[in-house]
């Protein structure tokens, strides 16, 4: 028993909170419940931060401080929380049947006093299907966590809780969850490979903002880079090095992104929303980004391609109206600066497809020396799909490795976190990222950051000339080049899906025919019996 108690005490705060919050969910759909829980967590965070500064200002009243002056909070980059929105006031009303309306009103009041949060906070607490007793229990539960004080912020407690909850909700939602959440280890791999040390970072399908959060973490974890390079701007604040730009078509997901960034003090003024999306209504038309990091929807057939046949973005060929993959690639390139880079996730079918002009577009990208690296990913990495995936890296104005492409096969990396979900370890991420950096930078010998010189590794990585890729008809599956079986790596999901769909439709038709036959025979028997 003592051992169990010890294990329970050592359980991380985010896991403990999740278990208790999930019990209070009852029969509520995870897609709706996430806005309830994450909204409350956000409210607790800003209330904690406000309360800490409020107490400090109260103690300094004799020196002229005013604890109700909004400017005092703005100066310290703390959100001002009006009296009826403060956590202590709401917690005192947790057992009342009006608690839902009280919280909605609190969210409204906070938005009025903090313009950067306008239209962001969820007002979903008064809805009838949300049991008010459970909501009161949730308020009491969140009250047990201190999230917004300076000490809590230094430990990134809220960041950990928010990220953990986003991941758990994505798991609970299944396919829908993948629309707002990219698994953390995939995001980390993309960012570690692109190395966004300084410049403009853009994600035109930004979901809940994970790419931006990881870019900020990257800067904090690589302070030695700035010291070693005698940077003029030596700062712990990532905003001194990068500026972020984003767009999201789902408004509720955009709200999650705005909250996710606000809790970390990341300026999200250039993270935009409209329901038309990046293709039809590009809100950053003139942006040329230094780094583009994205996970667009796989094989999206509903992207309004038929309306954009003559779009200026299609420099390398018109993408098919029935699949957005190559539209996304060219959208990314359109927004990539003269010396910029792009790293993004795509369905693996994008490496082999030759239908509807996609093969010609891929050929043009390769011949124009824009393709830098392809990484083959293992299955079970993504929560929302079983479609095999890969990472593409594009680079404009290559200074080194001209007319070469690096192929990495990472299918043997990662570990099963659950029966259905695989994750990369930090060592896996380091292995892939350092291989890419050593290759890209032509590292001749072990470098200060631990990267060694690049060499091809059978079954893992190979540097290939464009002429070699041309000889294979511009198909860019890593297995063909690194030495893994072609049949395993050339699996075409779309082709296989179509075949399975036809087989299923045939089976359904046969079963329907048999069911009709059975009904007819039963009717005949019943009629016969009646006679």
Protein backbone atom coordinates (compact mmCIF):
# COMPACT_ATOMS: atom_id res chain seq x y z
CA UNK A 1 0.00 0.00 0.00
CA UNK A 2 2.87 2.38 0.85
CA UNK A 3 4.35 1.77 -2.59
CA UNK A 4 1.06 2.64 -4.30
CA UNK A 5 0.78 5.85 -2.29
CA UNK A 6 4.31 6.81 -3.29
CA UNK A 7 3.55 6.17 -6.97
CA UNK A 8 0.39 8.25 -6.67
CA UNK A 9 2.29 11.15 -5.09
CA UNK A 10 4.86 11.06 -7.86
CA UNK A 11 2.25 11.13 -10.61
CA UNK A 12 2.68 14.31 -12.70
CA UNK A 13 0.14 17.06 -12.15
CA UNK A 14 -1.10 16.94 -15.74
CA UNK A 15 -1.94 13.22 -15.53
CA UNK A 16 -3.63 13.58 -12.17
CA UNK A 17 -5.75 16.48 -13.41
CA UNK A 18 -6.65 14.65 -16.62
CA UNK A 19 -7.86 11.52 -14.82
CA UNK A 20 -10.10 13.54 -12.50
CA UNK A 21 -11.39 15.84 -15.27
CA UNK A 22 -12.17 12.90 -17.56
CA UNK A 23 -14.27 11.27 -14.82
CA UNK A 24 -16.37 14.43 -14.61
CA UNK A 25 -17.00 14.35 -18.36
CA UNK A 26 -19.65 11.62 -18.01
CA UNK A 27 -21.40 11.29 -21.38
CA UNK A 28 -20.31 14.62 -22.86
CA UNK A 29 -18.58 14.44 -26.24
CA UNK A 30 -14.81 15.00 -25.99
CA UNK A 31 -14.92 17.50 -28.88
CA UNK A 32 -17.14 19.81 -26.82
CA UNK A 33 -15.72 18.98 -23.40
CA UNK A 34 -12.20 20.07 -24.38
CA UNK A 35 -13.36 23.68 -24.69
CA UNK A 36 -14.94 23.47 -21.23
CA UNK A 37 -11.83 22.08 -19.54
CA UNK A 38 -9.18 24.03 -21.47
CA UNK A 39 -11.23 27.22 -21.06
CA UNK A 40 -11.30 26.74 -17.28
CA UNK A 41 -7.59 25.94 -17.16
CA UNK A 42 -6.83 29.10 -19.11
CA UNK A 43 -9.07 31.14 -16.81
CA UNK A 44 -7.30 29.72 -13.74
CA UNK A 45 -3.91 30.58 -15.23
CA UNK A 46 -4.69 34.23 -15.97
CA UNK A 47 -6.44 34.57 -12.60
CA UNK A 48 -3.39 33.16 -10.76
CA UNK A 49 -1.06 35.56 -12.59
CA UNK A 50 -3.41 38.47 -11.93
CA UNK A 51 -3.84 37.60 -8.25
CA UNK A 52 -0.08 37.42 -7.64
CA UNK A 53 0.45 40.90 -9.12
CA UNK A 54 -2.74 42.19 -7.42
CA UNK A 55 -1.36 41.23 -3.99
CA UNK A 56 1.97 42.89 -4.79
CA UNK A 57 0.27 46.11 -5.89
CA UNK A 58 -2.03 46.05 -2.84
CA UNK A 59 1.04 45.97 -0.60
CA UNK A 60 2.40 49.02 -2.47
CA UNK A 61 -0.73 51.23 -2.26
CA UNK A 62 1.05 53.56 0.15
CA UNK A 63 3.67 54.08 -2.56
CA UNK A 64 1.04 55.07 -5.13
CA UNK A 65 0.24 51.69 -6.68
CA UNK A 66 -3.35 51.01 -7.77
CA UNK A 67 -4.29 47.29 -7.83
CA UNK A 68 -7.33 48.03 -10.04
CA UNK A 69 -5.42 50.03 -12.67
CA UNK A 70 -5.40 47.96 -15.88
CA UNK A 71 -2.22 49.68 -17.06
CA UNK A 72 -0.30 48.19 -14.13
CA UNK A 73 -1.05 44.71 -15.51
CA UNK A 74 -0.42 45.57 -19.15
CA UNK A 75 3.03 46.87 -18.20
CA UNK A 76 3.86 43.50 -16.62
CA UNK A 77 2.31 41.53 -19.54
CA UNK A 78 -0.39 40.17 -17.24
CA UNK A 79 -4.05 39.98 -18.29
CA UNK A 80 -6.33 42.19 -16.20
CA UNK A 81 -9.13 40.13 -14.59
CA UNK A 82 -12.26 42.06 -13.48
CA UNK A 83 -13.73 41.27 -10.03
CA UNK A 84 -16.55 38.92 -11.18
CA UNK A 85 -14.11 36.95 -13.34
CA UNK A 86 -11.57 36.21 -10.64
CA UNK A 87 -11.13 32.60 -9.69
CA UNK A 88 -11.81 33.05 -5.97
CA UNK A 89 -15.19 34.64 -6.78
CA UNK A 90 -16.12 31.86 -9.23
CA UNK A 91 -14.97 29.10 -6.89
CA UNK A 92 -17.27 30.51 -4.22
CA UNK A 93 -20.19 30.03 -6.64
CA UNK A 94 -19.17 26.56 -7.85
CA UNK A 95 -22.09 24.82 -6.11
CA UNK A 96 -24.75 27.23 -7.43
CA UNK A 97 -26.96 26.24 -10.39
CA UNK A 98 -25.94 29.50 -12.11
CA UNK A 99 -22.22 28.59 -12.23
CA UNK A 100 -22.36 28.02 -16.02
CA UNK A 101 -23.74 31.50 -16.74
CA UNK A 102 -21.32 32.99 -14.19
CA UNK A 103 -18.34 31.55 -16.08
CA UNK A 104 -19.67 32.65 -19.49
CA UNK A 105 -20.12 36.17 -18.09
CA UNK A 106 -16.61 36.04 -16.64
CA UNK A 107 -15.17 35.13 -20.06
CA UNK A 108 -17.09 38.02 -21.67
CA UNK A 109 -15.81 40.50 -19.09
CA UNK A 110 -12.18 39.38 -19.56
CA UNK A 111 -12.44 39.80 -23.34
CA UNK A 112 -13.80 43.35 -22.90
CA UNK A 113 -10.84 44.31 -20.72
CA UNK A 114 -8.22 42.53 -22.84
CA UNK A 115 -8.61 43.31 -26.58
CA UNK A 116 -6.06 40.63 -27.61
CA UNK A 117 -8.48 37.98 -26.30
CA UNK A 118 -11.55 39.31 -28.13
CA UNK A 119 -13.54 36.46 -29.66
CA UNK A 120 -11.10 33.87 -28.29
CA UNK A 121 -12.45 32.60 -24.97
CA UNK A 122 -15.12 29.85 -24.96
CA UNK A 123 -18.62 30.72 -23.72
CA UNK A 124 -19.97 27.19 -23.52
CA UNK A 125 -20.58 26.79 -19.81
CA UNK A 126 -24.29 27.68 -19.59
CA UNK A 127 -25.40 25.06 -22.15
CA UNK A 128 -28.07 22.70 -20.82
CA UNK A 129 -26.27 19.46 -21.61
CA UNK A 130 -23.36 20.44 -19.37
CA UNK A 131 -24.26 19.10 -15.92
CA UNK A 132 -23.80 22.01 -13.49
CA UNK A 133 -22.87 19.73 -10.60
CA UNK A 134 -20.06 18.24 -12.68
CA UNK A 135 -19.03 21.74 -13.78
CA UNK A 136 -18.81 22.80 -10.13
CA UNK A 137 -16.69 19.72 -9.45
CA UNK A 138 -14.43 20.70 -12.34
CA UNK A 139 -14.01 24.21 -10.90
CA UNK A 140 -13.03 22.68 -7.52
CA UNK A 141 -10.61 20.31 -9.27
CA UNK A 142 -8.85 23.05 -11.26
CA UNK A 143 -8.66 25.09 -8.03
CA UNK A 144 -6.19 22.52 -6.66
CA UNK A 145 -3.58 23.48 -9.28
CA UNK A 146 -1.50 26.65 -9.10
CA UNK A 147 -0.77 27.49 -12.73
CA UNK A 148 -0.11 31.19 -13.27
CA UNK A 149 2.28 32.33 -10.55
CA UNK A 150 5.86 33.26 -11.44
CA UNK A 151 7.08 30.02 -9.85
CA UNK A 152 4.57 27.90 -11.80
CA UNK A 153 5.47 29.73 -15.00
CA UNK A 154 9.17 29.07 -14.45
CA UNK A 155 8.36 25.34 -14.33
CA UNK A 156 6.04 25.66 -17.36
CA UNK A 157 3.30 23.91 -15.37
CA UNK A 158 0.50 25.30 -17.49
CA UNK A 159 2.33 24.52 -20.73
CA UNK A 160 2.68 20.90 -19.64
CA UNK A 161 -0.96 20.64 -18.57
CA UNK A 162 -2.29 22.32 -21.72
CA UNK A 163 -0.18 20.17 -24.08
CA UNK A 164 -1.04 16.97 -22.23
CA UNK A 165 -4.76 17.76 -22.31
CA UNK A 166 -4.63 18.64 -26.02
CA UNK A 167 -3.02 15.27 -26.73
CA UNK A 168 -5.47 13.32 -24.58
CA UNK A 169 -8.47 15.06 -26.14
CA UNK A 170 -7.08 14.35 -29.60
CA UNK A 171 -6.83 10.67 -28.64
CA UNK A 172 -10.37 10.70 -27.26
CA UNK A 173 -11.72 12.33 -30.42
CA UNK A 174 -9.93 9.95 -32.77
CA UNK A 175 -10.13 11.10 -36.39
CA UNK A 176 -11.53 14.53 -35.52
CA UNK A 177 -8.71 15.10 -33.04
CA UNK A 178 -6.11 15.11 -35.78
CA UNK A 179 -7.67 18.24 -37.24
CA UNK A 180 -6.37 20.39 -34.41
CA UNK A 181 -3.42 18.43 -33.04
CA UNK A 182 -0.17 17.11 -34.50
CA UNK A 183 1.62 14.61 -32.22
CA UNK A 184 4.33 16.35 -30.19
CA UNK A 185 7.19 14.13 -31.34
CA UNK A 186 6.40 14.81 -35.02
CA UNK A 187 6.29 18.56 -34.36
CA UNK A 188 9.58 18.38 -32.48
CA UNK A 189 11.24 16.46 -35.33
CA UNK A 190 10.09 19.02 -37.92
CA UNK A 191 11.33 21.94 -35.82
CA UNK A 192 14.65 20.30 -34.91
CA UNK A 193 15.32 19.63 -38.60
CA UNK A 194 14.39 23.15 -39.76
CA UNK A 195 16.15 24.97 -36.88
CA UNK A 196 14.16 28.24 -36.81
CA UNK A 197 16.82 30.31 -35.03
CA UNK A 198 15.74 33.66 -36.42
CA UNK A 199 13.14 35.02 -38.84
CA UNK A 200 9.49 34.60 -39.82
CA UNK A 201 7.79 31.30 -39.03
CA UNK A 202 4.58 30.50 -40.92
CA UNK A 203 1.97 27.74 -40.62
CA UNK A 204 -1.02 28.26 -42.96
CA UNK A 205 -3.01 25.39 -41.38
CA UNK A 206 -1.90 25.95 -37.80
CA UNK A 207 -4.44 23.92 -35.77
CA UNK A 208 -3.91 24.58 -32.06
CA UNK A 209 -0.51 26.23 -32.65
CA UNK A 210 1.85 23.37 -31.81
CA UNK A 211 4.42 24.36 -34.46
CA UNK A 212 4.74 27.85 -32.93
CA UNK A 213 5.01 26.54 -29.36
CA UNK A 214 7.76 24.11 -30.36
CA UNK A 215 9.63 26.84 -32.26
CA UNK A 216 9.63 28.90 -29.07
CA UNK A 217 10.91 25.91 -27.07
CA UNK A 218 13.61 25.34 -29.70
CA UNK A 219 15.00 28.83 -29.17
CA UNK A 220 15.01 28.46 -25.38
CA UNK A 221 16.79 25.10 -25.61
CA UNK A 222 19.46 26.38 -28.02
CA UNK A 223 20.72 29.49 -26.24
CA UNK A 224 24.29 28.33 -26.83
CA UNK A 225 23.78 28.91 -30.55
CA UNK A 226 23.33 32.64 -30.00
CA UNK A 227 26.28 32.84 -27.60
CA UNK A 228 28.58 30.89 -29.96
CA UNK A 229 27.56 33.06 -32.91
CA UNK A 230 28.09 36.32 -31.02
CA UNK A 231 24.52 37.32 -31.67
CA UNK A 232 23.74 40.98 -31.10
CA UNK A 233 20.40 39.94 -29.65
CA UNK A 234 21.18 37.70 -26.70
CA UNK A 235 17.80 37.19 -25.07
CA UNK A 236 15.74 34.48 -23.43
CA UNK A 237 12.63 35.87 -25.10
CA UNK A 238 11.92 33.98 -28.36
CA UNK A 239 9.96 37.01 -29.65
CA UNK A 240 13.34 38.75 -30.05
CA UNK A 241 14.32 36.15 -32.63
CA UNK A 242 11.20 34.93 -34.43
CA UNK A 243 7.82 36.32 -35.42
CA UNK A 244 4.95 33.95 -36.10
CA UNK A 245 2.24 33.97 -38.75
CA UNK A 246 -0.60 31.50 -39.04
CA UNK A 247 -4.01 30.82 -40.48
CA UNK A 248 -6.76 28.39 -39.43
CA UNK A 249 -10.17 27.75 -41.02
CA UNK A 250 -11.85 26.18 -37.98
CA UNK A 251 -12.84 28.91 -35.52
CA UNK A 252 -12.95 26.74 -32.39
CA UNK A 253 -9.50 25.36 -33.24
CA UNK A 254 -8.23 28.91 -33.85
CA UNK A 255 -9.45 29.80 -30.35
CA UNK A 256 -7.43 26.92 -28.92
CA UNK A 257 -4.37 28.20 -30.78
CA UNK A 258 -4.83 31.73 -29.45
CA UNK A 259 -5.15 30.44 -25.86
CA UNK A 260 -2.23 28.05 -26.33
CA UNK A 261 -0.02 30.94 -27.43
CA UNK A 262 -1.36 33.46 -24.90
CA UNK A 263 -0.39 31.28 -21.93
CA UNK A 264 3.20 31.40 -23.14
CA UNK A 265 3.21 35.10 -23.88
CA UNK A 266 3.66 34.49 -27.61
CA UNK A 267 2.34 37.31 -29.80
CA UNK A 268 -0.49 35.77 -31.85
CA UNK A 269 -1.71 38.95 -33.55
CA UNK A 270 -0.73 37.46 -36.92
CA UNK A 271 -2.53 34.15 -36.32
CA UNK A 272 -5.69 34.68 -38.35
CA UNK A 273 -9.00 32.92 -38.86
CA UNK A 274 -11.53 32.76 -41.66
CA UNK A 275 -13.81 29.89 -42.60
CA UNK A 276 -12.77 29.95 -46.27
CA UNK A 277 -9.24 28.71 -45.55
CA UNK A 278 -5.78 29.48 -46.93
CA UNK A 279 -6.50 28.58 -50.55
CA UNK A 280 -9.62 30.69 -51.12
CA UNK A 281 -8.80 33.53 -48.73
CA UNK A 282 -5.07 33.78 -48.07
CA UNK A 283 -4.74 36.22 -45.18
CA UNK A 284 -0.96 36.52 -45.59
CA UNK A 285 -0.76 37.12 -49.34
CA UNK A 286 2.42 39.18 -49.24
CA UNK A 287 4.27 37.12 -46.62
CA UNK A 288 7.59 35.56 -47.55
CA UNK A 289 8.57 33.38 -44.60
CA UNK A 290 11.99 32.10 -43.60
CA UNK A 291 10.52 28.88 -42.19
CA UNK A 292 7.27 27.16 -43.08
CA UNK A 293 6.26 24.34 -40.75
CA UNK A 294 2.93 22.60 -41.32
CA UNK A 295 0.77 19.49 -41.19
CA UNK A 296 -2.00 20.06 -43.77
CA UNK A 297 -5.03 17.73 -44.06
CA UNK A 298 -4.08 14.52 -45.90
CA UNK A 299 -5.47 14.03 -49.43
CA UNK A 300 -8.09 16.76 -48.97
CA UNK A 301 -10.63 16.53 -51.81
CA UNK A 302 -12.77 19.44 -50.65
CA UNK A 303 -10.38 22.37 -51.10
CA UNK A 304 -12.22 24.25 -53.90
CA UNK A 305 -9.50 23.47 -56.44
CA UNK A 306 -11.93 23.79 -59.34
CA UNK A 307 -12.25 27.53 -58.52
CA UNK A 308 -8.48 28.10 -58.55
CA UNK A 309 -7.33 26.59 -61.85
CA UNK A 310 -5.51 29.79 -62.93
CA UNK A 311 -4.08 30.74 -59.53
CA UNK A 312 -0.68 32.47 -59.53
CA UNK A 313 0.60 30.02 -56.89
CA UNK A 314 0.68 27.11 -59.34
CA UNK A 315 4.15 27.89 -60.70
CA UNK A 316 5.08 24.23 -61.22
CA UNK A 317 1.75 22.94 -62.54
CA UNK A 318 -1.98 23.01 -61.79
CA UNK A 319 -2.79 20.62 -58.88
CA UNK A 320 -5.79 18.29 -59.25
CA UNK A 321 -9.12 19.55 -57.93
CA UNK A 322 -9.63 16.20 -56.16
CA UNK A 323 -6.51 16.27 -53.97
CA UNK A 324 -4.89 19.26 -52.23
CA UNK A 325 -1.46 17.72 -51.54
CA UNK A 326 0.36 19.43 -54.41
CA UNK A 327 -1.65 22.61 -53.90
CA UNK A 328 -0.28 22.77 -50.35
CA UNK A 329 3.28 22.18 -51.59
CA UNK A 330 3.02 25.10 -54.01
CA UNK A 331 1.24 27.28 -51.46
CA UNK A 332 4.17 26.70 -49.10
CA UNK A 333 6.69 27.53 -51.83
CA UNK A 334 4.79 30.67 -52.79
CA UNK A 335 5.27 31.92 -49.22
CA UNK A 336 8.90 30.81 -48.85
CA UNK A 337 11.49 33.60 -48.84
CA UNK A 338 14.42 33.67 -51.28
CA UNK A 339 16.64 31.81 -48.79
CA UNK A 340 13.80 30.14 -46.91
CA UNK A 341 12.96 26.55 -46.06
CA UNK A 342 9.78 24.53 -45.64
CA UNK A 343 9.18 21.33 -43.69
CA UNK A 344 5.78 19.64 -43.66
CA UNK A 345 3.85 16.39 -43.32
CA UNK A 346 2.11 14.77 -46.30
CA UNK A 347 0.47 11.45 -47.09
CA UNK A 348 3.07 9.04 -48.47
CA UNK A 349 1.13 8.68 -51.71
CA UNK A 350 2.53 12.13 -52.60
CA UNK A 351 5.95 10.48 -53.18
CA UNK A 352 4.76 8.18 -55.96
CA UNK A 353 1.57 9.59 -57.48
CA UNK A 354 1.54 10.32 -61.21
CA UNK A 355 -2.15 11.04 -61.62
CA UNK A 356 -3.75 14.36 -62.60
CA UNK A 357 -0.47 16.24 -63.21
CA UNK A 358 0.98 15.45 -59.76
CA UNK A 359 3.89 13.49 -61.24
CA UNK A 360 4.76 16.42 -63.51
CA UNK A 361 4.64 18.88 -60.62
CA UNK A 362 6.96 16.66 -58.57
CA UNK A 363 9.33 16.40 -61.55
CA UNK A 364 9.40 20.21 -61.87
CA UNK A 365 10.13 20.63 -58.15
CA UNK A 366 13.01 18.17 -58.37
CA UNK A 367 14.48 19.58 -61.60
CA UNK A 368 14.36 23.08 -60.10
CA UNK A 369 16.41 21.72 -57.18
CA UNK A 370 13.82 22.61 -54.54
CA UNK A 371 13.49 19.20 -52.88
CA UNK A 372 16.04 18.86 -50.09
CA UNK A 373 15.03 15.83 -48.02
CA UNK A 374 12.33 13.19 -47.63
CA UNK A 375 11.80 11.34 -44.33
CA UNK A 376 9.75 8.15 -44.32
CA UNK A 377 7.67 7.91 -41.12
CA UNK A 378 6.53 4.77 -39.27
CA UNK A 379 2.85 3.90 -39.02
CA UNK A 380 0.74 4.67 -35.90
CA UNK A 381 2.33 8.09 -35.36
CA UNK A 382 -0.86 10.00 -36.12
CA UNK A 383 -4.05 9.87 -34.09
CA UNK A 384 -6.46 10.69 -36.88
CA UNK A 385 -5.45 8.42 -39.73
CA UNK A 386 -3.83 5.14 -40.71
CA UNK A 387 -2.64 6.69 -44.00
CA UNK A 388 1.17 6.23 -44.23
CA UNK A 389 2.91 9.62 -43.90
CA UNK A 390 6.23 11.27 -44.72
CA UNK A 391 8.04 14.56 -44.19
CA UNK A 392 9.03 16.82 -47.08
CA UNK A 393 11.76 19.45 -46.78
CA UNK A 394 12.11 22.10 -49.46
CA UNK A 395 14.91 24.65 -49.66
CA UNK A 396 15.32 27.64 -51.93
CA UNK A 397 18.75 28.82 -53.06
CA UNK A 398 20.79 25.80 -51.95
CA UNK A 399 24.35 26.83 -51.16
CA UNK A 400 25.49 23.25 -50.68
CA UNK A 401 24.25 19.86 -51.87
CA UNK A 402 23.09 21.33 -55.16
CA UNK A 403 21.16 18.77 -57.25
CA UNK A 404 21.23 16.27 -54.38
CA UNK A 405 18.40 14.92 -52.22
CA UNK A 406 18.73 13.21 -48.84
CA UNK A 407 16.49 10.22 -48.20
CA UNK A 408 15.93 9.05 -44.61
CA UNK A 409 13.88 6.01 -43.65
CA UNK A 410 12.68 6.30 -40.05
CA UNK A 411 10.16 3.45 -40.13
CA UNK A 412 12.18 1.39 -37.66
CA UNK A 413 12.35 4.19 -35.09
CA UNK A 414 9.89 5.04 -32.31
CA UNK A 415 8.16 3.07 -29.55
CA UNK A 416 4.56 2.08 -28.91
CA UNK A 417 3.16 4.43 -26.26
CA UNK A 418 -0.19 2.63 -26.46
CA UNK A 419 -1.42 -0.26 -28.58
CA UNK A 420 -2.51 2.17 -31.29
CA UNK A 421 -0.11 5.05 -30.87
CA UNK A 422 3.63 5.29 -31.56
CA UNK A 423 6.02 8.10 -30.54
CA UNK A 424 9.59 9.08 -31.34
CA UNK A 425 12.07 9.25 -28.46
CA UNK A 426 14.41 12.24 -28.10
CA UNK A 427 17.19 9.96 -29.32
CA UNK A 428 15.20 9.08 -32.46
CA UNK A 429 14.60 12.78 -33.16
CA UNK A 430 18.28 13.58 -32.61
CA UNK A 431 19.37 10.76 -34.92
CA UNK A 432 17.23 11.96 -37.83
CA UNK A 433 17.85 15.70 -37.29
CA UNK A 434 21.63 15.39 -36.87
CA UNK A 435 21.84 13.20 -39.99
CA UNK A 436 20.08 15.94 -41.98
CA UNK A 437 22.20 18.76 -40.53
CA UNK A 438 25.47 16.90 -41.15
CA UNK A 439 24.44 16.21 -44.74
CA UNK A 440 23.11 19.72 -45.42
CA UNK A 441 26.08 21.53 -43.90
CA UNK A 442 28.71 19.18 -45.37
CA UNK A 443 30.10 18.69 -41.85
CA UNK A 444 33.67 17.40 -42.38
CA UNK A 445 34.29 16.28 -38.79
CA UNK A 446 32.48 16.12 -35.43
CA UNK A 447 31.09 19.60 -34.75
CA UNK A 448 30.58 21.43 -31.42
CA UNK A 449 26.89 20.51 -31.26
CA UNK A 450 27.63 16.80 -31.47
CA UNK A 451 26.95 16.24 -35.14
CA UNK A 452 29.43 14.06 -37.00
CA UNK A 453 30.35 13.93 -40.67
CA UNK A 454 27.66 12.56 -42.98
CA UNK A 455 27.90 9.06 -44.43
CA UNK A 456 25.24 6.95 -46.12
CA UNK A 457 23.84 4.22 -43.86
CA UNK A 458 22.32 1.09 -45.40
CA UNK A 459 18.61 0.88 -44.57
CA UNK A 460 18.53 4.36 -43.00
CA UNK A 461 19.84 7.21 -45.16
CA UNK A 462 21.35 7.98 -48.56
CA UNK A 463 22.35 11.09 -50.48
CA UNK A 464 21.14 10.79 -54.06
CA UNK A 465 21.72 12.89 -57.19
CA UNK A 466 18.80 14.25 -59.17
CA UNK A 467 20.00 12.15 -62.10
CA UNK A 468 19.48 8.99 -60.03
CA UNK A 469 15.98 10.14 -59.08
CA UNK A 470 15.23 10.90 -62.73
CA UNK A 471 16.27 7.36 -63.63
CA UNK A 472 13.47 6.12 -61.34
CA UNK A 473 10.86 8.39 -62.99
CA UNK A 474 10.96 10.94 -60.17
CA UNK A 475 9.44 8.56 -57.60
CA UNK A 476 10.91 9.62 -54.24
CA UNK A 477 10.13 6.87 -51.74
CA UNK A 478 13.17 6.56 -49.43
CA UNK A 479 13.11 2.75 -49.40
CA UNK A 480 14.09 2.66 -53.08
CA UNK A 481 17.33 4.47 -52.31
CA UNK A 482 18.36 3.42 -48.79
CA UNK A 483 18.07 -0.29 -49.50
CA UNK A 484 14.74 -1.37 -47.99
CA UNK A 485 12.31 -3.56 -49.95
CA UNK A 486 10.52 -1.63 -52.68
CA UNK A 487 7.22 -3.45 -52.25
CA UNK A 488 7.06 -2.39 -48.60
CA UNK A 489 7.90 1.23 -49.34
CA UNK A 490 5.89 1.72 -52.52
CA UNK A 491 2.55 1.00 -50.88
CA UNK A 492 0.06 3.33 -52.58
CA UNK A 493 -2.67 4.08 -50.10
CA UNK A 494 -5.03 5.75 -52.56
CA UNK A 495 -4.82 2.83 -54.98
CA UNK A 496 -5.29 0.30 -52.20
CA UNK A 497 -8.15 2.32 -50.68
CA UNK A 498 -9.98 2.42 -54.04
CA UNK A 499 -9.57 -1.35 -54.45
CA UNK A 500 -10.82 -2.07 -50.93
CA UNK A 501 -13.73 0.33 -51.42
CA UNK A 502 -14.77 -1.48 -54.62
CA UNK A 503 -14.48 -4.85 -52.90
CA UNK A 504 -16.55 -3.61 -49.96
CA UNK A 505 -19.24 -2.12 -52.22
CA UNK A 506 -19.43 -5.42 -54.12
CA UNK A 507 -19.73 -7.33 -50.84
CA UNK A 508 -22.47 -4.98 -49.59
CA UNK A 509 -24.38 -5.36 -52.87
CA UNK A 510 -24.15 -9.16 -52.66
CA UNK A 511 -25.32 -9.13 -49.03
CA UNK A 512 -28.21 -6.83 -49.92
CA UNK A 513 -29.23 -9.19 -52.72
CA UNK A 514 -29.08 -12.17 -50.35
CA UNK A 515 -31.13 -10.28 -47.74
CA UNK A 516 -33.82 -9.56 -50.34
CA UNK A 517 -33.86 -13.24 -51.33
CA UNK A 518 -34.27 -14.27 -47.68
CA UNK A 519 -37.11 -11.76 -47.18
CA UNK A 520 -38.90 -13.02 -50.28
CA UNK A 521 -38.57 -16.64 -49.15
CA UNK A 522 -39.83 -15.77 -45.65
CA UNK A 523 -42.81 -13.92 -47.15
CA UNK A 524 -43.67 -16.94 -49.29
CA UNK A 525 -43.52 -19.23 -46.24
CA UNK A 526 -45.74 -16.88 -44.19
CA UNK A 527 -48.30 -16.61 -46.99
CA UNK A 528 -48.29 -20.38 -47.38
CA UNK A 529 -48.83 -20.86 -43.61
CA UNK A 530 -51.71 -18.39 -43.58
CA UNK A 531 -53.45 -20.38 -46.31
